[in-house]
Amino acid sequence: MKSVTVDRPRAWSPRINWRDPLTLTVIAVALVLACLSLFPTAMLFYGSFTTEPLGQRGALTVANYAAAYADPETYTLLLDSFLFALGSSIFSLVLALTLAWVTVRTNAPWRGLFELTAIVPNIFPPVLIAISWTLLLSPSVGLLNAVLKSAFNLSSAPFNIYSMTGLVFVEGLVLTPLAYLIISAALRGMDPALEESARIAGSNQFQIVRRITFPLMRPAILAAGMLNFVRALESFDTPAIIALPARIEVFTTKIYREALAAYPPNYNLAATYGVSLLAIALVFVALYRHYTARVETFATVTGKGYRPHTIDLGRWKYAASGGALAILVLIVVLPVFMLFTMSVLPYFHVPTMESLDLVSLKHYKYLVENDRIYRAIGNSLILAVAGATVAMLLAALTAYITVKTRVAGRGILEGLTFLPWAFPSTALAIGLLWGYVQIPLPIYGTLWILMIAYVTRFLPYGLRSVSSTIVQIHNELEEASRVCGGGFLTTLRRILFPLMRPGLIAGWILLATIFMREFSLSLFLYTPTSEPVGPLLYFLWLDGMTGPVGALGILVSVVSAVLVIIARRFARLAD
């Protein structure tokens, strides 16, 4: 019988074959990633080093940096930014560790219910969570403050959301779901044989946690902490609602004040602060990638089937459930309750039994009759569906090139996808403004610049989702396709894409929900004709229209949930 020789994937040849589909795909992906990542980065630096304002060509200068760092308030800004990011990341880790330990490693009842903490917040815009907690803990009209004052006969409100503590508290709640996903995945992947060996050797549960469990979990905890530190440092959703009224200055609020709140706007100084924020974020994202790599060196998953060891808490299991329930209430129940209450009351006040007589749907009627809201929801839907599709297609091609081929320069592609991961939304928006105002393309002021910004900023999220799927596809399937005469495009379309479908659908769902509720990028780049939901919610809040804010928040959350359901159903039908 004649044997068949199968060609292994070949390394990139120094001689470029311009007719090879793989070659053309690699070049096209590289050019797109370079435009998405390097262009706004270069323009951000240009804006920080030029003498002229936005839209004009000037000479290079360091005067903008001299002005920024000669100002004593800049160092207060640096300190407050680090305190905010550090406090938020630590608080989110405490909540995530507690929740992950209860749901994964204990026999506490209703564990499945508590996993909603990691799912439900993904469909709520973070700006709405900040608004909800503002109405709960405001010293003047906060619902919880009013209840506590009445219950304990207090003369003043016990909590003040307009403080650094309040800012850290709310941002920590926003960041907890991501930390929970990272930590719970590490707990589920831990081999119970290691803990069983320590138990047989006579160690008690506390010693096992201190000597075995925690050391194995440390890389995952550090990775989650670093990632949440960066996310808090670059966050503008929570600071826009709490820090700006409280006159707490962090990097993102400073960029906002210089670019949008000052008259005349100083985009040069905004770009200078954006470069500083990008440099700090790059350092900590590099640390995150380092600790993520260390997680792999601590891997304990083997070929054996096993389930994580479940700790019997005895009579303490209900106390553990109570703690997890409290976290669920803080992150999900109270914000949803406040949004719904805002949406059905004619004006915001502390609800009483008499408030039931005032319940109406007039704010939902306002949404139906308002053309601006119709346009904003339509714009967000276009950005969510089209943007997520474009991003996942680009992510799939990038993942294939970096994971499944040995072409020279694939490390450069990985670097180009790494840069947006560290690019703060406010800094990216300033870079895009400098770039697309300078070039004669009809992009600025349209949905196109928003889509470019969304795809650039959140491409790494989709890439991570599809990369974890494509790495599991064995090379034998591609080899079998080539033996049968299938070329690169045929193999990609008929073999790889169908097998990558779970990762593609998961990434699409994640990106669609993010695009639907995105706020920070949109605020800097939108115009009245291209206004999405995020800025609309913010300006309705600034105008004191709490009822329409609650109704629109509920509507956006329902639309995001419907997108998730449709995508999941499509995935099942495709299977």
Protein backbone atom coordinates (compact mmCIF):
# COMPACT_ATOMS: atom_id res chain seq x y z
CA MET A 1 0.00 0.00 0.00
CA LYS A 2 1.37 3.37 -1.01
CA SER A 3 1.99 5.63 1.96
CA VAL A 4 0.84 9.24 2.02
CA THR A 5 3.24 11.89 3.16
CA VAL A 6 1.68 14.81 5.00
CA ASP A 7 3.40 18.18 4.96
CA ARG A 8 3.88 19.75 8.33
CA PRO A 9 3.18 23.47 8.78
CA ARG A 10 6.09 25.26 7.22
CA ALA A 11 7.99 28.14 8.71
CA TRP A 12 7.73 31.47 6.98
CA SER A 13 9.90 31.57 3.89
CA PRO A 14 12.20 34.57 3.45
CA ARG A 15 10.85 34.78 -0.09
CA ILE A 16 7.30 36.11 -0.02
CA ASN A 17 4.78 34.32 -2.23
CA TRP A 18 2.24 37.04 -3.00
CA ARG A 19 -0.24 34.47 -4.36
CA ASP A 20 -0.30 32.40 -1.19
CA PRO A 21 -3.63 33.01 0.66
CA LEU A 22 -1.90 32.55 4.03
CA THR A 23 0.71 35.16 3.12
CA LEU A 24 -1.94 37.64 2.05
CA THR A 25 -3.97 36.96 5.20
CA VAL A 26 -0.96 37.51 7.46
CA ILE A 27 -0.07 40.78 5.73
CA ALA A 28 -3.68 42.01 5.83
CA VAL A 29 -4.10 41.18 9.52
CA ALA A 30 -0.76 42.79 10.37
CA LEU A 31 -1.70 46.00 8.54
CA VAL A 32 -5.11 46.18 10.22
CA LEU A 33 -3.67 45.57 13.69
CA ALA A 34 -0.94 48.14 13.08
CA CYS A 35 -3.51 50.75 12.04
CA LEU A 36 -5.72 49.94 15.02
CA SER A 37 -2.95 49.87 17.63
CA LEU A 38 -0.03 52.00 16.46
CA PHE A 39 -1.85 54.85 14.75
CA PRO A 40 -3.74 56.17 17.84
CA THR A 41 -0.65 55.53 19.97
CA ALA A 42 1.54 57.62 17.66
CA MET A 43 -1.08 60.38 17.45
CA LEU A 44 -1.48 60.45 21.23
CA PHE A 45 2.26 61.03 21.58
CA TYR A 46 2.15 63.61 18.78
CA GLY A 47 -0.62 65.52 20.54
CA SER A 48 1.39 65.59 23.76
CA PHE A 49 4.52 66.92 22.04
CA THR A 50 3.05 69.50 19.65
CA THR A 51 2.67 73.24 20.19
CA GLU A 52 -0.61 73.71 18.31
CA PRO A 53 -4.15 72.69 19.31
CA LEU A 54 -6.19 69.84 17.85
CA GLY A 55 -6.51 69.98 14.06
CA GLN A 56 -3.47 72.17 13.44
CA ARG A 57 0.13 71.27 12.65
CA GLY A 58 2.77 72.60 15.02
CA ALA A 59 6.37 72.21 16.12
CA LEU A 60 7.56 69.61 18.61
CA THR A 61 7.94 70.70 22.23
CA VAL A 62 8.11 69.32 25.77
CA ALA A 63 6.24 72.32 27.16
CA ASN A 64 3.09 70.26 27.70
CA TYR A 65 4.95 67.83 29.98
CA ALA A 66 6.63 70.72 31.77
CA ALA A 67 3.24 72.33 32.39
CA ALA A 68 1.70 69.07 33.58
CA TYR A 69 4.44 68.03 35.98
CA ALA A 70 5.26 71.50 37.24
CA ASP A 71 1.72 71.63 38.61
CA PRO A 72 1.67 70.39 42.26
CA GLU A 73 -1.88 69.09 41.75
CA THR A 74 -0.50 66.48 39.33
CA TYR A 75 1.16 64.64 42.20
CA THR A 76 -2.06 64.69 44.22
CA LEU A 77 -3.73 63.28 41.12
CA LEU A 78 -1.11 60.51 40.93
CA LEU A 79 -1.59 59.61 44.58
CA ASP A 80 -5.38 59.62 44.38
CA SER A 81 -5.29 57.50 41.21
CA PHE A 82 -3.09 54.88 42.86
CA LEU A 83 -5.16 54.86 46.05
CA PHE A 84 -8.34 54.46 44.01
CA ALA A 85 -6.94 51.65 41.85
CA LEU A 86 -5.23 49.83 44.70
CA GLY A 87 -8.20 50.05 47.05
CA SER A 88 -10.66 48.93 44.37
CA SER A 89 -8.54 45.95 43.31
CA ILE A 90 -7.99 44.78 46.90
CA PHE A 91 -11.68 45.12 47.78
CA SER A 92 -12.70 43.23 44.63
CA LEU A 93 -10.21 40.44 45.45
CA VAL A 94 -11.62 40.03 48.97
CA LEU A 95 -15.18 39.72 47.62
CA ALA A 96 -14.13 37.45 44.73
CA LEU A 97 -12.07 35.14 46.94
CA THR A 98 -14.94 34.78 49.39
CA LEU A 99 -17.48 34.11 46.68
CA ALA A 100 -15.23 31.70 44.75
CA TRP A 101 -14.33 29.72 47.86
CA VAL A 102 -17.99 29.37 48.89
CA THR A 103 -19.26 28.39 45.43
CA VAL A 104 -16.42 26.08 44.38
CA ARG A 105 -14.92 24.51 47.49
CA THR A 106 -17.68 24.28 50.13
CA ASN A 107 -20.98 22.48 50.59
CA ALA A 108 -22.83 25.73 51.26
CA PRO A 109 -26.44 25.56 49.97
CA TRP A 110 -27.61 27.54 46.91
CA ARG A 111 -24.08 27.73 45.49
CA GLY A 112 -25.38 27.83 41.90
CA LEU A 113 -27.44 30.93 42.69
CA PHE A 114 -24.37 32.85 43.78
CA GLU A 115 -22.66 32.32 40.43
CA LEU A 116 -25.13 34.87 39.05
CA THR A 117 -22.74 37.42 40.54
CA ALA A 118 -20.36 36.70 37.67
CA ILE A 119 -23.04 36.68 34.92
CA VAL A 120 -25.74 39.27 35.57
CA PRO A 121 -23.47 42.36 35.99
CA ASN A 122 -22.15 41.85 32.44
CA ILE A 123 -25.42 43.14 30.99
CA PHE A 124 -25.53 46.27 33.19
CA PRO A 125 -23.56 49.37 32.19
CA PRO A 126 -21.08 50.16 35.00
CA VAL A 127 -22.29 53.75 34.91
CA LEU A 128 -25.73 52.49 36.00
CA ILE A 129 -24.24 50.60 38.93
CA ALA A 130 -22.52 53.82 40.04
CA ILE A 131 -25.78 55.76 39.65
CA SER A 132 -27.68 53.14 41.67
CA TRP A 133 -25.22 53.31 44.55
CA THR A 134 -25.25 57.10 44.43
CA LEU A 135 -29.01 56.97 45.07
CA LEU A 136 -28.47 54.41 47.80
CA LEU A 137 -25.66 56.16 49.71
CA SER A 138 -26.02 59.83 48.85
CA PRO A 139 -25.83 61.82 52.12
CA SER A 140 -28.91 63.85 51.11
CA VAL A 141 -31.28 61.46 49.26
CA GLY A 142 -29.69 58.03 49.69
CA LEU A 143 -32.21 55.27 50.38
CA LEU A 144 -29.94 53.24 52.70
CA ASN A 145 -28.87 56.36 54.57
CA ALA A 146 -32.53 57.34 55.08
CA VAL A 147 -33.41 53.87 56.36
CA LEU A 148 -30.46 53.83 58.79
CA LYS A 149 -31.19 57.35 60.02
CA SER A 150 -34.79 56.40 60.71
CA ALA A 151 -33.94 53.04 62.30
CA PHE A 152 -31.22 54.32 64.63
CA ASN A 153 -32.47 57.90 65.08
CA LEU A 154 -29.30 59.39 63.59
CA SER A 155 -28.92 63.12 63.04
CA SER A 156 -26.78 62.77 59.92
CA ALA A 157 -26.22 60.23 57.15
CA PRO A 158 -23.79 57.47 58.23
CA PHE A 159 -22.38 57.03 54.70
CA ASN A 160 -21.19 59.46 52.05
CA ILE A 161 -20.78 58.05 48.57
CA TYR A 162 -19.00 61.24 47.45
CA SER A 163 -15.67 60.28 48.99
CA MET A 164 -12.61 58.20 48.17
CA THR A 165 -14.08 55.38 50.27
CA GLY A 166 -17.33 55.51 48.29
CA LEU A 167 -15.42 55.62 45.01
CA VAL A 168 -13.35 52.55 45.97
CA PHE A 169 -16.43 50.70 47.24
CA VAL A 170 -18.44 51.09 44.02
CA GLU A 171 -15.51 50.39 41.67
CA GLY A 172 -14.63 47.31 43.74
CA LEU A 173 -18.17 46.00 43.22
CA VAL A 174 -17.88 46.63 39.46
CA LEU A 175 -14.56 44.73 39.29
CA THR A 176 -15.54 41.74 41.44
CA PRO A 177 -17.13 39.58 38.67
CA LEU A 178 -13.91 39.50 36.61
CA ALA A 179 -11.77 38.61 39.63
CA TYR A 180 -14.30 35.91 40.53
CA LEU A 181 -14.03 34.32 37.07
CA ILE A 182 -10.22 34.15 37.26
CA ILE A 183 -10.04 32.86 40.84
CA SER A 184 -12.91 30.37 40.57
CA ALA A 185 -11.36 28.88 37.41
CA ALA A 186 -8.08 28.35 39.30
CA LEU A 187 -9.91 26.74 42.23
CA ARG A 188 -11.76 24.35 39.91
CA GLY A 189 -8.50 23.34 38.22
CA MET A 190 -6.69 22.42 41.42
CA ASP A 191 -5.82 18.75 41.93
CA PRO A 192 -7.42 17.59 45.23
CA ALA A 193 -4.69 14.94 45.66
CA LEU A 194 -2.33 17.65 46.93
CA GLU A 195 -4.69 18.64 49.72
CA GLU A 196 -5.53 15.00 50.47
CA SER A 197 -1.83 14.26 50.95
CA ALA A 198 -1.54 17.08 53.46
CA ARG A 199 -4.66 15.86 55.25
CA ILE A 200 -3.26 12.32 55.50
CA ALA A 201 -0.05 13.80 56.92
CA GLY A 202 -2.09 15.26 59.79
CA SER A 203 -2.60 18.88 58.71
CA ASN A 204 -5.83 20.58 59.70
CA GLN A 205 -7.95 22.61 57.29
CA PHE A 206 -6.34 25.95 58.22
CA GLN A 207 -2.83 24.53 57.65
CA ILE A 208 -3.89 23.05 54.30
CA VAL A 209 -5.24 26.40 53.13
CA ARG A 210 -2.12 28.24 54.32
CA ARG A 211 0.50 25.77 53.02
CA ILE A 212 -1.16 24.19 49.96
CA THR A 213 -4.24 25.99 48.65
CA PHE A 214 -3.14 29.60 49.00
CA PRO A 215 0.39 29.13 47.53
CA LEU A 216 -1.15 27.39 44.50
CA MET A 217 -3.73 30.17 44.19
CA ARG A 218 -1.24 33.02 44.60
CA PRO A 219 -0.43 33.48 40.87
CA ALA A 220 -4.14 33.60 39.98
CA ILE A 221 -4.84 36.06 42.80
CA LEU A 222 -1.95 38.29 41.73
CA ALA A 223 -3.06 38.13 38.10
CA ALA A 224 -6.63 39.10 39.02
CA GLY A 225 -5.33 41.86 41.29
CA MET A 226 -3.04 43.32 38.61
CA LEU A 227 -5.78 43.22 35.97
CA ASN A 228 -8.30 44.90 38.26
CA PHE A 229 -5.72 47.50 39.27
CA VAL A 230 -5.31 48.47 35.61
CA ARG A 231 -9.06 48.43 35.00
CA ALA A 232 -9.64 50.72 37.99
CA LEU A 233 -6.78 53.03 36.99
CA GLU A 234 -8.28 53.54 33.53
CA SER A 235 -11.95 53.53 34.62
CA PHE A 236 -14.06 56.59 33.91
CA ASP A 237 -17.58 55.22 34.47
CA THR A 238 -17.52 55.32 38.27
CA PRO A 239 -15.36 58.48 38.58
CA ALA A 240 -17.71 60.32 36.20
CA ILE A 241 -20.64 59.74 38.57
CA ILE A 242 -18.84 59.98 41.94
CA ALA A 243 -15.38 61.55 41.63
CA LEU A 244 -16.36 64.56 39.51
CA PRO A 245 -19.08 65.81 41.92
CA ALA A 246 -16.82 65.01 44.90
CA ARG A 247 -13.92 66.95 43.29
CA ILE A 248 -11.65 63.91 43.54
CA GLU A 249 -9.16 64.06 40.68
CA VAL A 250 -7.87 60.89 39.05
CA PHE A 251 -6.22 60.47 35.66
CA THR A 252 -9.43 59.86 33.73
CA THR A 253 -11.31 62.80 35.27
CA LYS A 254 -8.32 65.07 34.58
CA ILE A 255 -8.31 64.03 30.91
CA TYR A 256 -12.06 64.67 30.78
CA ARG A 257 -11.72 68.12 32.35
CA GLU A 258 -8.96 69.18 29.97
CA ALA A 259 -10.57 67.77 26.81
CA LEU A 260 -14.31 68.30 27.34
CA ALA A 261 -14.99 70.41 30.43
CA ALA A 262 -12.46 73.21 29.90
CA TYR A 263 -13.03 76.27 27.72
CA PRO A 264 -11.20 76.39 25.47
CA PRO A 265 -10.39 72.66 25.60
CA ASN A 266 -6.72 71.79 26.02
CA TYR A 267 -6.28 68.60 24.00
CA ASN A 268 -2.50 68.91 24.22
CA LEU A 269 -2.55 68.63 28.01
CA ALA A 270 -5.19 65.89 27.80
CA ALA A 271 -2.88 63.93 25.49
CA THR A 272 0.01 64.47 27.94
CA TYR A 273 -1.96 62.96 30.80
CA GLY A 274 -3.13 60.21 28.43
CA VAL A 275 0.48 59.25 27.65
CA SER A 276 1.27 59.12 31.37
CA LEU A 277 -1.75 56.91 32.03
CA LEU A 278 -0.85 54.62 29.11
CA ALA A 279 2.74 54.23 30.38
CA ILE A 280 1.56 53.23 33.86
CA ALA A 281 -1.05 50.85 32.46
CA LEU A 282 1.53 49.17 30.20
CA VAL A 283 3.75 48.41 33.21
CA PHE A 284 0.95 46.77 35.16
CA VAL A 285 -0.47 44.88 32.17
CA ALA A 286 3.04 43.47 31.62
CA LEU A 287 3.00 42.36 35.26
CA TYR A 288 -0.42 40.81 34.70
CA ARG A 289 0.88 38.83 31.73
CA HIS A 290 3.85 37.73 33.84
CA TYR A 291 1.62 36.38 36.58
CA THR A 292 -0.71 34.80 34.04
CA ALA A 293 2.29 32.91 32.65
CA ARG A 294 3.16 31.87 36.21
CA VAL A 295 -0.33 30.42 36.58
CA GLU A 296 0.59 27.95 33.85
CA THR A 297 3.75 26.94 35.74
CA PHE A 298 1.56 26.19 38.77
CA ALA A 299 -0.82 24.01 36.72
CA THR A 300 -2.01 20.93 38.54
CA VAL A 301 -4.52 19.61 35.98
CA THR A 302 -3.56 16.18 34.72
CA GLY A 303 -5.15 13.63 32.45
CA LYS A 304 -7.03 12.08 35.35
CA GLY A 305 -10.67 12.95 35.89
CA TYR A 306 -11.39 14.52 39.25
CA ARG A 307 -13.55 17.05 41.02
CA PRO A 308 -12.26 19.66 43.47
CA HIS A 309 -12.41 18.56 47.09
CA THR A 310 -15.57 19.86 48.79
CA ILE A 311 -15.13 21.15 52.31
CA ASP A 312 -17.90 20.20 54.73
CA LEU A 313 -18.65 23.34 56.75
CA GLY A 314 -21.12 21.63 59.04
CA ARG A 315 -23.33 24.14 60.81
CA TRP A 316 -21.29 27.01 59.34
CA LYS A 317 -22.49 26.29 55.80
CA TYR A 318 -25.49 28.58 56.20
CA ALA A 319 -23.25 31.37 57.46
CA ALA A 320 -21.09 30.93 54.35
CA SER A 321 -24.20 31.11 52.17
CA GLY A 322 -25.23 34.24 54.03
CA GLY A 323 -21.88 35.89 53.25
CA ALA A 324 -22.13 34.96 49.56
CA LEU A 325 -25.73 36.17 49.49
CA ALA A 326 -24.64 39.53 50.92
CA ILE A 327 -22.15 39.92 48.06
CA LEU A 328 -24.86 39.00 45.53
CA VAL A 329 -27.16 41.60 47.08
CA LEU A 330 -24.47 44.31 46.87
CA ILE A 331 -23.50 43.61 43.27
CA VAL A 332 -26.82 42.56 41.70
CA VAL A 333 -29.95 42.88 43.84
CA LEU A 334 -29.65 46.43 45.18
CA PRO A 335 -28.59 48.05 41.85
CA VAL A 336 -31.40 46.26 39.97
CA PHE A 337 -33.90 47.26 42.67
CA MET A 338 -32.83 50.90 42.45
CA LEU A 339 -33.05 50.95 38.64
CA PHE A 340 -36.54 49.46 38.71
CA THR A 341 -37.66 51.83 41.48
CA MET A 342 -36.35 54.83 39.56
CA SER A 343 -38.15 53.68 36.42
CA VAL A 344 -41.67 53.34 37.95
CA LEU A 345 -41.78 56.33 40.34
CA PRO A 346 -42.71 59.73 38.88
CA TYR A 347 -39.83 61.37 40.79
CA PHE A 348 -37.11 59.93 42.98
CA HIS A 349 -37.78 59.74 46.71
CA VAL A 350 -37.32 57.27 49.51
CA PRO A 351 -39.96 54.58 48.75
CA THR A 352 -42.73 54.00 51.30
CA MET A 353 -45.95 52.01 51.24
CA GLU A 354 -47.72 55.12 49.95
CA SER A 355 -45.36 55.11 46.96
CA LEU A 356 -47.26 52.16 45.53
CA ASP A 357 -50.08 54.54 44.62
CA LEU A 358 -47.64 56.58 42.52
CA VAL A 359 -46.28 53.70 40.42
CA SER A 360 -46.62 54.32 36.69
CA LEU A 361 -45.02 53.51 33.36
CA LYS A 362 -44.73 57.11 32.20
CA HIS A 363 -40.94 56.93 31.98
CA TYR A 364 -41.17 53.92 29.66
CA LYS A 365 -43.72 55.87 27.59
CA TYR A 366 -41.18 58.70 27.44
CA LEU A 367 -38.63 56.29 25.96
CA VAL A 368 -41.06 55.21 23.25
CA GLU A 369 -41.93 58.77 22.28
CA ASN A 370 -38.39 60.23 22.33
CA ASP A 371 -36.55 60.23 18.99
CA ARG A 372 -33.17 60.80 20.64
CA ILE A 373 -33.51 57.61 22.68
CA TYR A 374 -34.64 55.64 19.62
CA ARG A 375 -31.59 56.86 17.72
CA ALA A 376 -29.21 56.10 20.60
CA ILE A 377 -30.51 52.54 21.04
CA GLY A 378 -30.29 51.98 17.27
CA ASN A 379 -26.72 53.27 17.19
CA SER A 380 -25.72 51.03 20.10
CA LEU A 381 -27.33 47.99 18.46
CA ILE A 382 -25.46 48.64 15.20
CA LEU A 383 -22.19 49.02 17.10
CA ALA A 384 -22.88 45.91 19.20
CA VAL A 385 -23.82 43.56 16.35
CA ALA A 386 -21.53 44.83 13.58
CA GLY A 387 -18.62 45.74 15.86
CA ALA A 388 -18.63 42.40 17.70
CA THR A 389 -18.79 40.52 14.38
CA VAL A 390 -15.85 42.44 12.88
CA ALA A 391 -13.83 42.10 16.08
CA MET A 392 -14.37 38.33 16.34
CA LEU A 393 -13.48 37.78 12.67
CA LEU A 394 -10.24 39.69 13.19
CA ALA A 395 -9.64 37.87 16.48
CA ALA A 396 -10.14 34.48 14.81
CA LEU A 397 -7.63 35.23 12.05
CA THR A 398 -5.11 36.64 14.53
CA ALA A 399 -5.50 33.64 16.85
CA TYR A 400 -4.95 31.22 13.96
CA ILE A 401 -1.79 33.00 12.83
CA THR A 402 -0.26 33.28 16.32
CA VAL A 403 -1.28 29.82 17.56
CA LYS A 404 -1.39 27.54 14.52
CA THR A 405 1.36 28.84 12.25
CA ARG A 406 5.10 29.38 12.56
CA VAL A 407 5.32 32.46 10.38
CA ALA A 408 8.07 34.92 11.17
CA GLY A 409 6.76 38.01 12.87
CA ARG A 410 3.85 36.39 14.66
CA GLY A 411 5.36 37.71 17.89
CA ILE A 412 4.87 41.20 16.45
CA LEU A 413 1.20 40.41 15.92
CA GLU A 414 0.94 39.32 19.56
CA GLY A 415 2.53 42.60 20.59
CA LEU A 416 0.07 44.58 18.48
CA THR A 417 -2.83 42.82 20.18
CA PHE A 418 -1.21 43.32 23.58
CA LEU A 419 -1.10 47.12 23.26
CA PRO A 420 -4.90 47.71 23.20
CA TRP A 421 -5.18 45.58 26.35
CA ALA A 422 -3.27 48.30 28.19
CA PHE A 423 -4.76 51.25 26.29
CA PRO A 424 -7.07 53.20 28.65
CA SER A 425 -10.31 54.22 26.96
CA THR A 426 -9.83 57.93 27.65
CA ALA A 427 -6.26 57.90 26.28
CA LEU A 428 -7.32 55.89 23.20
CA ALA A 429 -10.13 58.36 22.53
CA ILE A 430 -7.72 61.31 22.67
CA GLY A 431 -5.31 59.49 20.31
CA LEU A 432 -8.14 58.79 17.85
CA LEU A 433 -9.28 62.41 18.01
CA TRP A 434 -5.78 63.64 17.14
CA GLY A 435 -5.52 61.08 14.35
CA TYR A 436 -8.83 61.34 12.52
CA VAL A 437 -9.13 65.11 12.78
CA GLN A 438 -5.75 65.36 11.00
CA ILE A 439 -6.46 63.06 8.04
CA PRO A 440 -9.01 63.89 5.32
CA LEU A 441 -11.31 60.90 5.85
CA PRO A 442 -15.04 61.30 6.66
CA ILE A 443 -14.78 59.21 9.84
CA TYR A 444 -14.79 61.69 12.71
CA GLY A 445 -18.31 62.43 13.93
CA THR A 446 -19.76 59.17 12.55
CA LEU A 447 -20.41 55.69 13.89
CA TRP A 448 -17.26 54.55 12.10
CA ILE A 449 -14.89 56.19 14.56
CA LEU A 450 -16.83 54.64 17.44
CA MET A 451 -16.64 51.19 15.83
CA ILE A 452 -12.89 51.60 15.22
CA ALA A 453 -12.44 52.63 18.85
CA TYR A 454 -14.53 49.73 20.20
CA VAL A 455 -12.79 47.10 18.05
CA THR A 456 -9.35 48.47 18.93
CA ARG A 457 -9.97 48.69 22.67
CA PHE A 458 -11.74 45.37 23.20
CA LEU A 459 -10.16 43.13 20.54
CA PRO A 460 -7.97 41.40 23.20
CA TYR A 461 -11.13 40.21 24.99
CA GLY A 462 -12.34 38.43 21.87
CA LEU A 463 -8.84 37.18 21.08
CA ARG A 464 -8.50 35.57 24.49
CA SER A 465 -11.84 33.80 24.06
CA VAL A 466 -11.08 32.34 20.63
CA SER A 467 -7.41 31.53 21.40
CA SER A 468 -8.43 29.25 24.26
CA THR A 469 -10.59 27.32 21.76
CA ILE A 470 -8.21 27.14 18.80
CA VAL A 471 -5.34 25.83 20.92
CA GLN A 472 -7.42 22.67 21.52
CA ILE A 473 -7.79 21.91 17.79
CA HIS A 474 -5.19 19.31 16.80
CA ASN A 475 -3.03 19.84 13.72
CA GLU A 476 -4.20 16.45 12.37
CA LEU A 477 -7.45 18.04 11.21
CA GLU A 478 -5.65 20.63 9.10
CA GLU A 479 -3.32 17.93 7.75
CA ALA A 480 -6.30 15.76 6.78
CA SER A 481 -7.82 18.72 4.92
CA ARG A 482 -4.59 19.27 2.97
CA VAL A 483 -4.36 15.58 2.10
CA CYS A 484 -7.85 15.86 0.61
CA GLY A 485 -6.78 18.85 -1.48
CA GLY A 486 -8.14 21.65 0.69
CA GLY A 487 -6.26 24.91 0.58
CA PHE A 488 -5.77 27.44 3.36
CA LEU A 489 -9.08 29.27 2.86
CA THR A 490 -11.04 26.03 2.46
CA THR A 491 -9.50 24.57 5.62
CA LEU A 492 -10.22 27.77 7.50
CA ARG A 493 -13.83 27.95 6.34
CA ARG A 494 -14.83 24.28 6.54
CA ILE A 495 -12.65 22.92 9.35
CA LEU A 496 -11.32 25.56 11.71
CA PHE A 497 -14.15 28.09 11.88
CA PRO A 498 -16.80 25.42 12.68
CA LEU A 499 -14.55 23.96 15.41
CA MET A 500 -13.83 27.45 16.75
CA ARG A 501 -17.55 28.23 16.99
CA PRO A 502 -17.84 27.91 20.81
CA GLY A 503 -15.05 30.42 21.36
CA LEU A 504 -16.36 32.70 18.61
CA ILE A 505 -19.88 32.72 20.07
CA ALA A 506 -18.61 33.27 23.61
CA GLY A 507 -16.40 36.13 22.48
CA TRP A 508 -19.18 37.65 20.38
CA ILE A 509 -21.57 37.62 23.32
CA LEU A 510 -18.98 39.26 25.57
CA LEU A 511 -18.12 41.97 23.04
CA ALA A 512 -21.74 42.66 22.05
CA THR A 513 -22.73 43.29 25.68
CA ILE A 514 -19.64 45.49 26.22
CA PHE A 515 -20.32 47.50 23.05
CA MET A 516 -23.98 47.91 24.00
CA ARG A 517 -23.10 49.58 27.30
CA GLU A 518 -19.75 51.27 26.49
CA PHE A 519 -19.43 54.77 27.92
CA SER A 520 -15.88 56.12 28.26
CA LEU A 521 -14.83 55.95 24.60
CA SER A 522 -18.23 57.11 23.40
CA LEU A 523 -18.27 60.24 25.55
CA PHE A 524 -15.14 61.58 23.84
CA LEU A 525 -15.95 60.54 20.27
CA TYR A 526 -19.71 60.82 19.72
CA THR A 527 -21.67 63.59 18.02
CA PRO A 528 -25.44 64.21 18.30
CA THR A 529 -26.09 62.08 15.20
CA SER A 530 -23.90 59.19 16.41
CA GLU A 531 -24.81 59.26 20.10
CA PRO A 532 -24.98 55.75 21.65
CA VAL A 533 -26.65 54.74 24.90
CA GLY A 534 -23.70 55.32 27.26
CA PRO A 535 -23.37 59.11 26.89
CA LEU A 536 -27.18 59.46 26.75
CA LEU A 537 -27.53 57.81 30.15
CA TYR A 538 -24.88 60.11 31.58
CA PHE A 539 -26.45 63.33 30.28
CA LEU A 540 -29.93 62.26 31.38
CA TRP A 541 -28.43 61.76 34.85
CA LEU A 542 -26.75 65.18 34.79
CA ASP A 543 -30.11 66.71 33.82
CA GLY A 544 -31.72 65.13 36.91
CA MET A 545 -33.94 62.80 34.87
CA THR A 546 -33.63 59.81 37.18
CA GLY A 547 -36.85 58.20 35.96
CA PRO A 548 -35.82 58.00 32.27
CA VAL A 549 -32.32 56.87 33.39
CA GLY A 550 -33.83 53.92 35.28
CA ALA A 551 -36.21 53.03 32.46
CA LEU A 552 -33.49 53.26 29.81
CA GLY A 553 -31.15 51.22 32.03
CA ILE A 554 -33.73 48.44 32.35
CA LEU A 555 -34.38 48.54 28.59
CA VAL A 556 -30.67 48.38 27.69
CA SER A 557 -30.18 45.47 30.09
CA VAL A 558 -33.11 43.59 28.52
CA VAL A 559 -31.75 44.23 25.01
CA SER A 560 -28.32 42.94 26.08
CA ALA A 561 -29.92 39.84 27.60
CA VAL A 562 -31.86 39.24 24.36
CA LEU A 563 -28.63 39.48 22.34
CA VAL A 564 -27.07 36.85 24.62
CA ILE A 565 -30.08 34.53 24.28
CA ILE A 566 -30.17 34.87 20.47
CA ALA A 567 -26.44 34.17 20.19
CA ARG A 568 -26.68 31.10 22.42
CA ARG A 569 -29.67 29.77 20.47
CA PHE A 570 -27.83 30.35 17.20
CA ALA A 571 -24.88 28.39 18.62
CA ARG A 572 -27.15 25.45 19.51
CA LEU A 573 -28.81 25.47 16.08
CA ALA A 574 -25.40 25.59 14.38
CA ASP A 575 -24.34 22.51 16.34
